[in-house]
Protein backbone atom coordinates (compact mmCIF):
# COMPACT_ATOMS: atom_id res chain seq x y z
CA MET A 1 39.95 -2.65 -102.85
CA LYS A 2 40.46 -1.29 -99.41
CA LYS A 3 43.72 0.81 -100.10
CA ILE A 4 41.31 2.73 -102.79
CA ALA A 5 38.94 3.45 -100.15
CA LYS A 6 40.93 4.21 -97.37
CA ILE A 7 42.72 6.68 -99.84
CA GLY A 8 39.33 8.48 -100.54
CA LEU A 9 38.49 8.52 -96.40
CA LEU A 10 42.40 9.91 -96.08
CA LEU A 11 41.38 12.42 -98.95
CA ALA A 12 37.98 13.11 -97.42
CA ILE A 13 39.31 13.98 -93.86
CA THR A 14 42.65 16.39 -95.38
CA GLY A 15 39.57 18.31 -97.31
CA THR A 16 37.57 18.51 -94.64
CA LEU A 17 40.39 19.80 -92.07
CA PHE A 18 41.58 22.51 -94.58
CA THR A 19 37.83 23.95 -95.67
CA SER A 20 37.45 24.20 -92.24
CA CYS A 21 40.39 26.24 -91.89
CA ALA A 22 39.22 30.00 -91.16
CA ALA A 23 41.42 32.28 -93.33
CA ASP A 24 41.68 36.38 -91.72
CA TYR A 25 39.83 39.06 -94.00
CA TYR A 26 41.99 41.81 -94.41
CA VAL A 27 42.32 45.46 -95.45
CA ALA A 28 45.03 48.14 -95.78
CA ASP A 29 43.45 50.39 -93.98
CA ARG A 30 40.64 50.18 -91.28
CA PRO A 31 37.69 51.98 -92.79
CA ALA A 32 36.09 55.31 -90.79
CA GLU A 33 32.92 54.13 -88.30
CA PRO A 34 29.98 55.93 -89.64
CA VAL A 35 28.41 58.37 -87.89
CA TYR A 36 24.48 57.23 -86.71
CA VAL A 37 22.22 58.46 -84.47
CA ARG A 38 21.91 55.71 -81.44
CA PRO A 39 17.78 55.29 -81.10
CA PRO A 40 16.47 55.49 -77.61
CA ALA A 41 16.61 52.14 -75.88
CA PRO A 42 13.03 50.22 -76.31
CA TYR A 43 12.30 48.90 -72.55
CA ALA A 44 14.35 49.43 -69.15
CA GLY A 45 17.74 47.38 -68.71
CA ALA A 46 17.72 47.53 -72.78
CA TYR A 47 21.75 46.89 -73.68
CA TRP A 48 23.31 48.81 -76.59
CA VAL A 49 25.58 46.20 -78.81
CA PRO A 50 28.13 48.90 -80.97
CA GLY A 51 28.00 48.65 -84.38
CA GLU A 52 30.16 45.99 -86.16
CA TRP A 53 31.79 45.27 -89.33
CA ILE A 54 31.03 41.88 -91.02
CA TRP A 55 33.14 40.43 -94.42
CA ARG A 56 30.49 40.62 -97.26
CA GLY A 57 30.98 40.34 -101.35
CA GLY A 58 34.19 40.43 -100.61
CA ARG A 59 34.61 43.50 -98.92
CA TYR A 60 33.94 44.68 -94.88
CA THR A 61 30.30 46.57 -94.29
CA TYR A 62 29.36 47.93 -91.29
CA ILE A 63 26.31 46.94 -89.40
CA ASN A 64 24.47 49.67 -87.03
CA GLY A 65 24.73 48.56 -83.35
CA TYR A 66 21.27 48.02 -81.75
CA TYR A 67 19.36 46.55 -78.25
CA VAL A 68 19.58 43.33 -76.69
CA HIS A 69 18.70 41.78 -73.14
CA SER A 70 21.43 42.28 -70.73
CA ARG A 71 23.15 39.01 -69.50
CA PRO A 72 23.26 39.02 -65.94
CA GLY A 73 26.69 38.10 -64.99
CA ARG A 74 29.12 38.76 -68.20
CA SER A 75 29.93 41.93 -69.88
CA TYR A 76 29.89 42.51 -73.74
CA VAL A 77 33.41 43.16 -74.95
CA ARG A 78 33.17 45.12 -77.99
CA GLY A 79 34.78 44.09 -81.50
CA TYR A 80 37.94 45.81 -82.57
CA TRP A 81 40.39 45.89 -85.62
CA HIS A 82 43.67 44.06 -85.04
CA PRO A 83 46.56 44.10 -86.69
CA VAL A 84 47.43 41.08 -89.00
CA ARG A 85 50.68 40.35 -91.65
CA ARG A 86 49.21 42.37 -94.56
CA GLY A 87 46.67 45.16 -92.65
CA TYR A 88 43.81 44.80 -90.60
CA ALA A 89 40.61 42.16 -89.97
CA TRP A 90 37.92 42.60 -87.56
CA HIS A 91 37.56 40.85 -84.24
CA ARG A 92 33.55 40.75 -83.58
CA GLY A 93 32.74 41.38 -79.95
CA TYR A 94 31.66 38.97 -78.03
CA TRP A 95 30.00 38.27 -74.22
CA ARG A 96 32.08 37.02 -71.56
């Protein structure tokens, strides 16, 4: 009985490890960023976070930029397309 429990635990842990591996979603060609008008800042000191691409419904979808409160001592690194073996994948922007 203990052997069966150990095997079950091993299979559960292995399955968890493999499902937590993040796969890159990729496209053969980088899509063009849509053109839109950036609205005026809603308050003083607002920081514009540029638009991003997200993987939704089996394809990349563009999300417009937005304003946020700036983070003192930090800077925003814009997202970018990076080459992968089969094409390009989107690397999201982040604060550093």
